[in-house]
Amino acid sequence: MSIRTPLAHARGLGTAKDGTHHWWLQRVTSVALVPLVLWFAFSLLSVSRADYEGFQHWLSNPINAGLMIALVLAAFYHANLGMQVIYE
């Protein structure tokens, strides 16, 4: 049994002072994902009738490869931020 009050337990714990930064990162990644997902959807429609070599040719284009990397990184980072909020 502790004689400490709930305020005494909470004192010193404080905030991580990282909430605003975390919130902004989540918003920035969501805004970045909007054009990337639109690009990805239209690209998939254009390459949907292609065979494996056509898809390889499409992905070997440096612009498409760079945008695909950006999409994957932004999506996983955004998911990581969201899961971190759920865990906390």
C-alpha atoms as a PDB file:
ATOM      1  CA  MET A   1       0.000   0.000   0.000  1.00  0.00           C
ATOM      2  CA  SER A   2       1.367   3.374  -0.969  1.00  0.00           C
ATOM      3  CA  ILE A   3       0.697   6.659   0.762  1.00  0.00           C
ATOM      4  CA  ARG A   4       1.496   8.617  -2.377  1.00  0.00           C
ATOM      5  CA  THR A   5      -1.359  10.466  -3.997  1.00  0.00           C
ATOM      6  CA  PRO A   6      -2.209   9.973  -7.671  1.00  0.00           C
ATOM      7  CA  LEU A   7      -0.734  13.409  -8.338  1.00  0.00           C
ATOM      8  CA  ALA A   8       2.552  12.347  -6.782  1.00  0.00           C
ATOM      9  CA  HIS A   9       2.600   9.263  -8.997  1.00  0.00           C
ATOM     10  CA  ALA A  10       2.048  11.371 -12.098  1.00  0.00           C
ATOM     11  CA  ARG A  11       4.458  14.143 -11.165  1.00  0.00           C
ATOM     12  CA  GLY A  12       7.733  13.844 -13.001  1.00  0.00           C
ATOM     13  CA  LEU A  13       6.334  11.595 -15.678  1.00  0.00           C
ATOM     14  CA  GLY A  14       5.067  14.506 -17.738  1.00  0.00           C
ATOM     15  CA  THR A  15       4.675  14.363 -21.465  1.00  0.00           C
ATOM     16  CA  ALA A  16       7.189  13.120 -23.947  1.00  0.00           C
ATOM     17  CA  LYS A  17       6.959  16.543 -25.649  1.00  0.00           C
ATOM     18  CA  ASP A  18       6.805  14.690 -28.934  1.00  0.00           C
ATOM     19  CA  GLY A  19       3.053  14.707 -29.546  1.00  0.00           C
ATOM     20  CA  THR A  20       2.925  17.709 -31.879  1.00  0.00           C
ATOM     21  CA  HIS A  21       5.832  16.447 -33.954  1.00  0.00           C
ATOM     22  CA  HIS A  22       4.211  13.021 -34.187  1.00  0.00           C
ATOM     23  CA  TRP A  23       0.893  14.585 -35.205  1.00  0.00           C
ATOM     24  CA  TRP A  24       2.566  16.680 -37.936  1.00  0.00           C
ATOM     25  CA  LEU A  25       4.476  13.687 -39.306  1.00  0.00           C
ATOM     26  CA  GLN A  26       1.257  11.722 -39.557  1.00  0.00           C
ATOM     27  CA  ARG A  27      -0.433  14.566 -41.453  1.00  0.00           C
ATOM     28  CA  VAL A  28       2.551  15.101 -43.768  1.00  0.00           C
ATOM     29  CA  THR A  29       2.721  11.418 -44.678  1.00  0.00           C
ATOM     30  CA  SER A  30      -1.027  11.295 -45.300  1.00  0.00           C
ATOM     31  CA  VAL A  31      -0.849  14.327 -47.604  1.00  0.00           C
ATOM     32  CA  ALA A  32       2.138  12.785 -49.406  1.00  0.00           C
ATOM     33  CA  LEU A  33       0.253   9.526 -49.857  1.00  0.00           C
ATOM     34  CA  VAL A  34      -2.682  11.131 -51.688  1.00  0.00           C
ATOM     35  CA  PRO A  35      -0.852  11.896 -54.974  1.00  0.00           C
ATOM     36  CA  LEU A  36       1.289   8.773 -54.652  1.00  0.00           C
ATOM     37  CA  VAL A  37      -1.753   6.508 -54.350  1.00  0.00           C
ATOM     38  CA  LEU A  38      -3.454   8.278 -57.259  1.00  0.00           C
ATOM     39  CA  TRP A  39      -0.313   7.834 -59.375  1.00  0.00           C
ATOM     40  CA  PHE A  40      -0.134   4.172 -58.358  1.00  0.00           C
ATOM     41  CA  ALA A  41      -3.795   3.514 -59.199  1.00  0.00           C
ATOM     42  CA  PHE A  42      -3.548   5.107 -62.650  1.00  0.00           C
ATOM     43  CA  SER A  43      -0.243   3.351 -63.299  1.00  0.00           C
ATOM     44  CA  LEU A  44      -1.720  -0.009 -62.389  1.00  0.00           C
ATOM     45  CA  LEU A  45      -4.605   0.611 -64.751  1.00  0.00           C
ATOM     46  CA  SER A  46      -2.214   1.451 -67.572  1.00  0.00           C
ATOM     47  CA  VAL A  47       0.012  -1.557 -66.969  1.00  0.00           C
ATOM     48  CA  SER A  48      -2.756  -4.029 -66.062  1.00  0.00           C
ATOM     49  CA  ARG A  49      -2.880  -5.527 -69.552  1.00  0.00           C
ATOM     50  CA  ALA A  50       0.884  -5.892 -69.805  1.00  0.00           C
ATOM     51  CA  ASP A  51       2.780  -9.109 -69.322  1.00  0.00           C
ATOM     52  CA  TYR A  52       5.727  -9.616 -66.975  1.00  0.00           C
ATOM     53  CA  GLU A  53       8.214  -7.989 -69.350  1.00  0.00           C
ATOM     54  CA  GLY A  54       5.920  -4.987 -69.758  1.00  0.00           C
ATOM     55  CA  PHE A  55       5.702  -4.585 -66.003  1.00  0.00           C
ATOM     56  CA  GLN A  56       9.477  -4.881 -65.716  1.00  0.00           C
ATOM     57  CA  HIS A  57       9.883  -2.232 -68.395  1.00  0.00           C
ATOM     58  CA  TRP A  58       7.422   0.037 -66.557  1.00  0.00           C
ATOM     59  CA  LEU A  59       9.199  -0.411 -63.221  1.00  0.00           C
ATOM     60  CA  SER A  60      12.659   0.037 -64.755  1.00  0.00           C
ATOM     61  CA  ASN A  61      11.753   3.644 -65.583  1.00  0.00           C
ATOM     62  CA  PRO A  62      13.597   5.738 -62.941  1.00  0.00           C
ATOM     63  CA  ILE A  63      10.584   7.974 -62.307  1.00  0.00           C
ATOM     64  CA  ASN A  64       8.265   5.027 -61.727  1.00  0.00           C
ATOM     65  CA  ALA A  65      10.835   3.249 -59.565  1.00  0.00           C
ATOM     66  CA  GLY A  66      11.434   6.370 -57.471  1.00  0.00           C
ATOM     67  CA  LEU A  67       7.734   7.014 -56.997  1.00  0.00           C
ATOM     68  CA  MET A  68       7.185   3.362 -56.067  1.00  0.00           C
ATOM     69  CA  ILE A  69       9.933   3.559 -53.436  1.00  0.00           C
ATOM     70  CA  ALA A  70       8.440   6.804 -52.110  1.00  0.00           C
ATOM     71  CA  LEU A  71       4.989   5.201 -51.949  1.00  0.00           C
ATOM     72  CA  VAL A  72       6.217   2.156 -50.042  1.00  0.00           C
ATOM     73  CA  LEU A  73       8.317   4.195 -47.605  1.00  0.00           C
ATOM     74  CA  ALA A  74       5.573   6.752 -46.942  1.00  0.00           C
ATOM     75  CA  ALA A  75       2.923   4.052 -46.513  1.00  0.00           C
ATOM     76  CA  PHE A  76       4.973   1.998 -44.065  1.00  0.00           C
ATOM     77  CA  TYR A  77       6.079   5.063 -42.101  1.00  0.00           C
ATOM     78  CA  HIS A  78       2.488   6.316 -41.918  1.00  0.00           C
ATOM     79  CA  ALA A  79       1.350   2.867 -40.780  1.00  0.00           C
ATOM     80  CA  ASN A  80       4.119   2.813 -38.179  1.00  0.00           C
ATOM     81  CA  LEU A  81       3.005   6.176 -36.802  1.00  0.00           C
ATOM     82  CA  GLY A  82      -0.600   5.024 -36.665  1.00  0.00           C
ATOM     83  CA  MET A  83       0.241   1.767 -34.915  1.00  0.00           C
ATOM     84  CA  GLN A  84       2.403   3.651 -32.425  1.00  0.00           C
ATOM     85  CA  VAL A  85      -0.616   5.767 -31.475  1.00  0.00           C
ATOM     86  CA  ILE A  86      -2.695   2.618 -31.004  1.00  0.00           C
ATOM     87  CA  TYR A  87      -0.039   0.946 -28.839  1.00  0.00           C
ATOM     88  CA  GLU A  88       0.431   3.991 -26.651  1.00  0.00           C
END
